[in-house]
Protein backbone atom coordinates (compact mmCIF):
# COMPACT_ATOMS: atom_id res chain seq x y z
CA MET A 1 87.89 29.70 118.63
CA GLN A 2 87.93 26.28 118.36
CA PHE A 3 89.05 24.54 121.54
CA ALA A 4 88.28 20.99 120.76
CA LEU A 5 91.07 18.44 119.43
CA SER A 6 90.85 17.11 116.08
CA PRO A 7 90.04 13.09 115.69
CA GLU A 8 93.73 12.79 114.61
CA GLN A 9 94.90 14.57 117.71
CA ARG A 10 92.52 12.60 120.04
CA ALA A 11 94.01 9.59 118.38
CA LEU A 12 97.63 10.87 118.49
CA GLN A 13 97.03 11.30 122.33
CA ALA A 14 95.73 7.88 122.68
CA HIS A 15 98.33 6.07 120.73
CA MET A 16 100.69 8.01 123.45
CA PHE A 17 98.71 6.17 126.30
CA THR A 18 99.14 2.88 124.34
CA VAL A 19 102.89 3.48 124.28
CA ALA A 20 103.27 4.61 127.86
CA GLU A 21 101.75 1.19 128.85
CA HIS A 22 105.08 -0.49 127.98
CA LEU A 23 107.16 2.35 129.77
CA GLN A 24 105.73 1.88 133.44
CA ASP A 25 109.03 0.89 135.57
CA GLU A 26 108.90 -0.48 139.09
CA SER A 27 112.81 0.49 139.07
CA LEU A 28 111.98 4.29 139.09
CA HIS A 29 112.47 5.12 142.70
CA ALA A 30 116.07 3.37 142.73
CA ARG A 31 117.17 5.02 139.44
CA ASP A 32 115.94 8.24 140.56
CA ARG A 33 117.98 7.80 143.52
CA ALA A 34 120.93 6.71 141.19
CA CYS A 35 120.54 9.23 138.71
CA ASP A 36 120.02 6.55 136.11
CA PHE A 37 118.77 7.23 132.59
CA SER A 38 116.99 3.91 131.32
CA ARG A 39 118.38 3.11 127.83
CA PRO A 40 116.13 0.11 127.77
CA LEU A 41 112.81 2.51 128.20
CA TRP A 42 114.68 4.63 125.43
CA GLN A 43 114.55 1.77 122.90
CA THR A 44 111.00 1.49 123.80
CA LEU A 45 110.22 5.11 123.28
CA CYS A 46 112.37 4.46 119.43
CA ALA A 47 110.70 1.33 118.62
CA ALA A 48 107.30 3.05 118.42
CA GLY A 49 108.80 5.94 116.44
CA LEU A 50 108.51 8.73 119.18
CA HIS A 51 112.22 9.95 118.72
CA MET A 52 111.41 11.40 115.30
CA LEU A 53 107.90 12.75 115.80
CA PRO A 54 108.41 16.16 113.89
CA ALA A 55 110.44 14.54 111.04
CA SER A 56 108.22 13.54 107.83
CA ARG A 57 106.80 10.15 107.42
CA ASP A 58 109.67 9.59 104.50
CA GLN A 59 112.36 10.44 107.41
CA GLY A 60 110.70 7.83 109.72
CA GLY A 61 108.65 10.38 111.80
CA GLN A 62 104.74 11.85 111.58
CA GLY A 63 105.52 15.29 110.71
CA LEU A 64 104.08 16.70 113.72
CA GLY A 65 104.04 20.54 113.86
CA ALA A 66 104.19 22.21 117.21
CA LEU A 67 100.51 21.91 118.61
CA ASP A 68 100.80 18.03 117.79
CA LEU A 69 103.78 17.38 119.42
CA ALA A 70 102.86 19.41 122.50
CA LEU A 71 99.50 17.11 122.83
CA ALA A 72 101.63 14.07 122.36
CA LEU A 73 104.20 15.45 125.14
CA GLU A 74 101.22 16.56 127.48
CA ALA A 75 100.00 12.66 127.36
CA LEU A 76 103.51 11.29 127.82
CA GLY A 77 103.77 13.63 130.77
CA GLU A 78 100.56 12.41 132.20
CA ALA A 79 100.79 8.50 131.79
CA VAL A 80 104.57 7.96 132.12
CA PRO A 81 105.78 8.42 135.74
CA ASP A 82 109.59 8.88 134.48
CA THR A 83 109.19 12.13 133.68
CA GLY A 84 113.01 12.51 133.38
CA LEU A 85 112.64 10.07 130.18
CA VAL A 86 109.65 12.14 128.75
CA PHE A 87 112.19 15.58 129.44
CA ALA A 88 115.23 13.52 127.69
CA LEU A 89 112.80 12.73 124.68
CA ALA A 90 111.31 16.30 124.47
CA ALA A 91 114.76 17.86 124.93
CA HIS A 92 116.16 15.43 122.21
CA LEU A 93 112.74 16.56 119.55
CA CYS A 94 112.81 20.05 120.48
CA ALA A 95 116.58 21.04 120.35
CA CYS A 96 117.77 17.99 117.99
CA ILE A 97 115.34 16.73 115.65
CA HIS A 98 113.45 20.26 115.35
CA PRO A 99 116.71 22.24 113.78
CA LEU A 100 117.64 19.08 111.48
CA VAL A 101 114.09 18.93 110.11
CA HIS A 102 113.66 22.69 109.47
CA CYS A 103 117.20 23.87 108.93
CA ALA A 104 119.23 21.07 107.65
CA ASP A 105 119.47 20.71 103.91
CA GLY A 106 118.54 17.80 101.83
CA PRO A 107 122.00 15.80 102.10
CA GLN A 108 122.11 16.67 105.86
CA GLN A 109 118.52 15.03 106.41
CA THR A 110 119.14 12.15 104.62
CA GLU A 111 122.47 11.41 106.32
CA TRP A 112 121.65 12.16 109.87
CA LEU A 113 117.55 11.75 110.18
CA GLN A 114 118.22 8.11 108.67
CA GLN A 115 121.08 7.35 111.12
CA ILE A 116 118.97 8.65 114.31
CA GLY A 117 115.70 7.06 113.31
CA GLN A 118 117.15 3.61 112.26
CA ARG A 119 119.82 3.25 114.94
CA ALA A 120 117.62 4.95 117.85
CA TRP A 121 120.07 7.85 118.33
CA LEU A 122 119.78 10.01 120.96
CA GLY A 123 120.63 13.91 120.67
CA ALA A 124 122.09 16.35 123.19
CA HIS A 125 121.87 20.09 122.38
CA ALA A 126 125.26 22.14 123.36
CA ILE A 127 124.88 25.54 123.69
CA THR A 128 125.39 26.56 127.78
CA GLU A 129 128.76 27.27 129.10
CA PRO A 130 130.17 28.25 132.39
CA GLN A 131 129.86 31.93 131.99
CA ALA A 132 127.32 31.82 129.19
CA GLY A 133 123.84 30.73 129.91
CA SER A 134 121.15 33.14 128.66
CA ASP A 135 123.58 35.66 127.75
CA ILE A 136 124.53 34.22 124.44
CA SER A 137 127.14 37.21 123.76
CA ALA A 138 129.32 35.38 126.33
CA MET A 139 129.99 32.32 124.28
CA ARG A 140 133.64 31.37 124.02
CA THR A 141 133.44 28.20 122.05
CA ARG A 142 134.84 28.86 118.81
CA ALA A 143 134.62 27.22 115.51
CA VAL A 144 137.75 28.50 113.17
CA ARG A 145 137.94 27.63 109.72
CA ASP A 146 140.31 24.84 108.72
CA GLY A 147 140.60 23.81 105.20
CA GLY A 148 137.23 22.41 103.76
CA GLY A 149 135.72 22.46 107.44
CA TYR A 150 136.08 23.92 111.23
CA ARG A 151 138.03 23.40 114.11
CA ILE A 152 135.95 23.42 117.41
CA SER A 153 137.34 24.02 120.83
CA GLY A 154 135.52 25.14 123.97
CA HIS A 155 133.62 23.66 127.02
CA LYS A 156 129.85 23.37 127.17
CA CYS A 157 128.23 22.29 130.66
CA TYR A 158 125.10 21.12 132.07
CA ILE A 159 124.09 19.59 128.70
CA SER A 160 120.70 17.47 129.20
CA ASN A 161 121.49 13.68 127.81
CA ALA A 162 125.01 14.56 127.55
CA PRO A 163 126.78 11.47 128.98
CA VAL A 164 124.31 9.10 127.13
CA CYS A 165 123.92 10.95 123.75
CA ASP A 166 124.67 9.55 120.51
CA PHE A 167 125.30 12.97 118.55
CA VAL A 168 125.33 16.63 119.18
CA ILE A 169 124.11 20.01 118.18
CA VAL A 170 126.59 22.47 119.10
CA HIS A 171 126.70 26.24 118.55
CA ALA A 172 129.98 27.89 118.49
CA ARG A 173 131.13 31.55 117.63
CA THR A 174 132.20 31.98 113.99
CA GLY A 175 132.34 35.63 114.23
CA GLU A 176 133.34 38.86 116.26
CA SER A 177 131.00 41.60 114.73
CA GLY A 178 128.97 41.74 118.01
CA SER A 179 125.78 40.89 116.44
CA PHE A 180 123.37 37.96 116.44
CA LEU A 181 125.10 36.29 113.65
CA ASP A 182 128.26 35.53 114.98
CA TYR A 183 127.20 32.03 115.91
CA SER A 184 126.98 28.92 113.86
CA SER A 185 125.24 25.56 114.49
CA PHE A 186 126.99 21.97 113.67
CA ILE A 187 125.93 18.49 114.16
CA LEU A 188 128.58 15.96 115.33
CA ASP A 189 128.66 12.13 116.00
CA ARG A 190 129.80 11.92 119.55
CA HIS A 191 132.77 9.60 119.16
CA SER A 192 134.43 12.34 116.71
CA SER A 193 138.10 12.69 117.60
CA GLY A 194 138.38 15.58 120.30
CA ILE A 195 134.77 15.10 122.08
CA HIS A 196 135.30 14.49 125.66
CA ILE A 197 131.94 13.88 127.53
CA SER A 198 131.90 13.72 130.85
CA PRO A 199 131.01 9.82 131.50
CA SER A 200 129.27 9.90 134.84
CA PRO A 201 125.83 12.02 134.88
CA LYS A 202 125.87 14.95 137.51
CA GLU A 203 123.88 14.41 140.55
CA LYS A 204 120.68 16.82 140.41
CA LEU A 205 117.95 18.09 142.64
CA GLY A 206 115.60 16.94 139.97
CA LEU A 207 115.07 15.31 136.53
CA ARG A 208 117.41 12.93 137.92
CA THR A 209 116.96 10.20 135.31
CA THR A 210 118.00 12.61 132.30
CA ALA A 211 121.49 12.14 132.31
CA MET A 212 123.37 15.45 132.62
CA GLY A 213 126.72 16.49 131.70
CA ASP A 214 129.92 18.58 130.45
CA ILE A 215 131.33 18.47 126.86
CA GLU A 216 134.99 19.49 126.11
CA PHE A 217 135.26 20.22 122.42
CA ASP A 218 139.30 20.14 121.63
CA GLY A 219 139.92 21.15 118.37
CA VAL A 220 137.23 18.87 117.00
CA TRP A 221 137.44 18.71 113.05
CA VAL A 222 134.04 19.04 111.11
CA HIS A 223 133.42 19.23 107.59
CA GLU A 224 131.65 22.56 106.40
CA SER A 225 128.63 19.72 105.34
CA GLN A 226 128.32 19.38 109.08
CA ARG A 227 127.12 22.85 109.45
CA LEU A 228 123.35 23.74 109.47
CA GLY A 229 122.42 26.59 107.54
CA LYS A 230 124.57 29.14 106.16
CA GLU A 231 127.48 30.35 108.74
CA GLY A 232 126.03 33.11 110.87
CA SER A 233 122.59 31.22 111.17
CA GLY A 234 123.50 29.65 114.67
CA GLY A 235 121.51 32.45 116.98
CA PRO A 236 118.19 32.07 114.78
CA ILE A 237 118.40 28.28 114.74
CA PHE A 238 118.81 28.53 118.62
CA GLN A 239 116.07 30.94 118.90
CA ALA A 240 113.81 28.53 116.83
CA SER A 241 114.66 25.63 119.13
CA MET A 242 113.70 27.85 122.22
CA ALA A 243 110.51 28.53 120.92
CA TRP A 244 109.48 25.07 120.30
CA GLU A 245 111.23 23.90 123.58
CA ARG A 246 109.35 26.45 125.51
CA CYS A 247 105.87 25.09 124.09
CA CYS A 248 106.40 21.72 123.26
CA LEU A 249 108.51 20.61 126.07
CA PHE A 250 106.91 22.14 128.64
CA ALA A 251 103.51 20.85 127.52
CA LEU A 252 104.84 17.74 129.37
CA TYR A 253 104.62 19.35 132.74
CA LEU A 254 100.93 19.80 131.70
CA GLY A 255 100.73 16.11 131.71
CA THR A 256 102.26 15.55 134.98
CA MET A 257 100.07 18.44 136.71
CA LYS A 258 97.14 16.70 135.44
CA ARG A 259 98.32 13.10 136.79
CA GLN A 260 99.02 15.16 140.06
CA LEU A 261 95.81 16.79 140.31
CA ARG A 262 94.16 13.25 139.82
CA ALA A 263 96.18 11.88 142.84
CA CYS A 264 95.57 14.92 145.14
CA TRP A 265 91.79 14.73 144.57
CA ALA A 266 92.03 10.66 145.30
CA HIS A 267 93.97 11.67 148.37
CA LEU A 268 91.62 14.03 149.79
CA GLU A 269 88.55 11.98 149.20
CA ARG A 270 90.11 9.15 150.71
CA ARG A 271 91.52 10.71 153.68
CA GLU A 272 89.45 11.45 156.84
CA GLN A 273 90.31 13.80 159.66
CA PHE A 274 87.50 15.17 162.12
CA GLY A 275 85.41 12.33 161.05
CA ARG A 276 85.04 13.94 157.51
CA PRO A 277 87.03 13.69 154.13
CA LEU A 278 89.80 16.29 153.63
CA ILE A 279 87.87 17.30 150.73
CA GLU A 280 85.30 18.74 152.81
CA GLN A 281 87.75 21.13 154.61
CA GLN A 282 87.20 24.04 152.79
CA ALA A 283 90.92 25.37 153.03
CA LEU A 284 92.25 22.33 151.40
CA ALA A 285 89.54 22.23 149.02
CA HIS A 286 90.41 25.86 147.93
CA ARG A 287 94.09 24.78 147.65
CA LEU A 288 92.79 22.43 145.13
CA GLY A 289 90.96 24.54 143.27
CA GLU A 290 93.70 26.75 142.75
CA MET A 291 95.87 24.07 141.53
CA GLN A 292 93.17 23.31 138.82
CA LEU A 293 93.06 26.96 137.84
CA ARG A 294 96.90 27.40 137.46
CA TYR A 295 96.78 24.12 135.70
CA GLU A 296 94.19 25.14 133.10
CA SER A 297 95.37 28.67 132.35
CA ALA A 298 98.70 27.68 132.12
CA ARG A 299 97.53 24.78 129.50
CA LEU A 300 95.78 27.51 127.19
CA LEU A 301 98.74 29.89 126.87
CA CYS A 302 101.12 26.66 126.15
CA LEU A 303 98.76 25.32 123.31
CA ARG A 304 98.15 28.89 122.22
CA ALA A 305 101.65 29.39 121.72
CA ALA A 306 102.27 25.95 119.80
CA TRP A 307 99.43 26.97 117.71
CA SER A 308 100.88 30.25 117.01
CA LEU A 309 104.08 28.52 115.88
CA ASP A 310 102.34 26.37 113.42
CA HIS A 311 100.83 29.20 111.97
CA GLN A 312 103.50 31.75 112.49
CA SER A 313 101.32 34.13 114.24
CA ASP A 314 103.06 36.63 115.92
CA TRP A 315 99.94 37.25 117.90
CA HIS A 316 101.15 39.34 121.07
CA GLY A 317 104.90 38.73 120.06
CA ASP A 318 106.70 35.39 121.09
CA ALA A 319 104.02 33.78 123.13
CA SER A 320 106.27 30.97 123.97
CA LEU A 321 107.46 33.55 126.65
CA SER A 322 104.24 33.70 128.36
CA ALA A 323 103.63 29.92 127.89
CA LYS A 324 106.82 28.75 129.77
CA LEU A 325 106.79 31.47 132.45
CA ALA A 326 102.96 30.21 133.27
CA VAL A 327 104.03 26.55 132.82
CA SER A 328 106.97 26.50 134.93
CA GLU A 329 105.57 28.69 137.71
CA ALA A 330 102.45 26.51 137.75
CA ALA A 331 104.37 23.35 138.14
CA VAL A 332 106.35 24.54 140.95
CA ARG A 333 103.16 25.91 142.73
CA ASN A 334 101.45 22.91 142.09
CA GLY A 335 104.17 20.51 143.26
CA MET A 336 104.39 22.46 146.53
CA ASP A 337 100.68 22.30 147.08
CA ALA A 338 100.47 18.35 146.48
CA VAL A 339 103.09 17.95 149.02
CA HIS A 340 101.21 20.14 151.52
CA LEU A 341 97.87 18.45 150.97
CA HIS A 342 99.32 15.30 151.18
CA GLY A 343 100.61 15.91 154.56
CA ALA A 344 103.53 13.73 156.17
CA LEU A 345 102.90 11.32 153.03
CA GLY A 346 104.31 14.19 150.95
CA MET A 347 107.34 14.48 152.82
CA LEU A 348 108.37 11.20 152.03
CA SER A 349 110.44 10.14 149.30
CA GLY A 350 108.01 8.85 146.55
CA GLU A 351 105.89 10.18 143.80
CA VAL A 352 104.55 13.23 145.29
CA GLU A 353 107.95 14.92 146.51
CA ARG A 354 109.95 13.62 143.18
CA GLU A 355 107.30 15.33 141.03
CA LEU A 356 108.03 18.70 143.15
CA ARG A 357 111.90 18.03 142.38
CA ASN A 358 111.35 17.49 138.78
CA ALA A 359 109.48 20.55 138.64
CA LEU A 360 111.83 22.90 140.12
CA PRO A 361 114.32 22.86 137.61
CA CYS A 362 111.89 24.28 135.15
CA THR A 363 112.20 27.74 136.19
CA VAL A 364 115.67 27.83 135.26
CA PHE A 365 116.26 25.88 131.87
CA SER A 366 115.23 27.38 128.41
CA GLY A 367 115.62 30.82 129.94
CA GLY A 368 115.63 31.65 133.65
CA THR A 369 111.94 33.21 134.85
CA GLU A 370 113.68 36.51 135.37
CA VAL A 371 115.22 36.75 132.04
CA LEU A 372 112.07 35.43 130.15
CA ARG A 373 109.94 38.30 132.27
CA ASN A 374 112.68 41.11 131.27
CA GLN A 375 112.24 39.71 127.64
CA LEU A 376 108.24 39.91 127.94
CA VAL A 377 108.34 43.70 129.34
CA GLN A 378 110.67 44.59 126.42
CA GLN A 379 108.16 42.99 123.81
CA LEU A 380 104.82 44.47 125.58
CA ARG A 381 106.60 47.86 125.53
CA SER A 382 107.61 47.72 121.66
CA GLU A 383 103.86 46.42 121.09
CA TYR A 384 102.32 49.20 123.37
CA ARG A 385 104.63 51.98 121.54
CA ARG A 386 103.44 50.72 118.03
CA ASP A 387 99.98 51.09 119.33
CA ALA A 388 100.10 54.31 120.55
CA ARG A 389 102.08 55.60 117.42
CA GLY A 390 98.86 53.71 115.64
CA GLY A 391 96.52 55.98 117.50
CA ARG A 392 94.72 53.06 119.25
């Protein structure tokens, strides 16, 4: 196995660190308290072309695959203190740009990717509903045939980027067969007649600088040309986007954990108790060692899963399940340990407690921990049964 990054990948991460120098914001603490997404910082990201990374160079991007995108987001997560901003970018790339690059036809890519690239548009991915989260079969939003298009009606909630988005990828029910092919995906301009988006972002525990809101579709008419793929292909499109999200988006938490570890090492070296640095207190040093082990283990699983997506490898099934579980659990536990290692300082409002708050939601979105563990067990059960039939 080759674990070393290529020269191109090292250059990509170096470029991310260079862009990050322009994303340092002294008002972050105040914006976090106010749940304020920074449009000027988003414009800075777009000026560097980061909002189009998976698109081809002809389309204004860099043609990044899953592994390279994960490495880019890892670097941004490490270098940019505004984790909510990086999360907004990652959600846009994995759940909005990815389906356009991989599922849209030529005319759709020409129309939409050109606008997104040139006008610095931000996307929102609308699938969750009040009664339908991980259970897609409970989706009630419908797209009904109407002339040369569809009428979409329904309510989507907890949608990242919704209050500040420029376009929406929405999933709606187009069939009633009870199968995975009952759903279709559409792309809409947020200003389309009948779209109502909550103007104020929801106040959240963490990722407060990522705007979250609800979207109401009140008989919104969309032309057939706004459907991504064939009718009934929404389920596979969503599944593919989630695989990218569970690898690439969660790579940003690898970066935040690395930055967090660096801060903890510095604090334990600098802070003295009982006449010696905290790092010489074995119990605290061991806790820091456990944080490093969680980070390293999660990173290996995450980058392996991204590599599997690029190579269409089904090694051990859907590797993104293990990656998401490992990274999300490590981010939360490391965040709690970082607070503990900083003592009373960790309890104060600031970077240490903010990163814990930013980590807590990641065990819920992109598939809750319990749901993904069930899926992982089902996947392993199928594999072991297949191995048993093969005599292995």
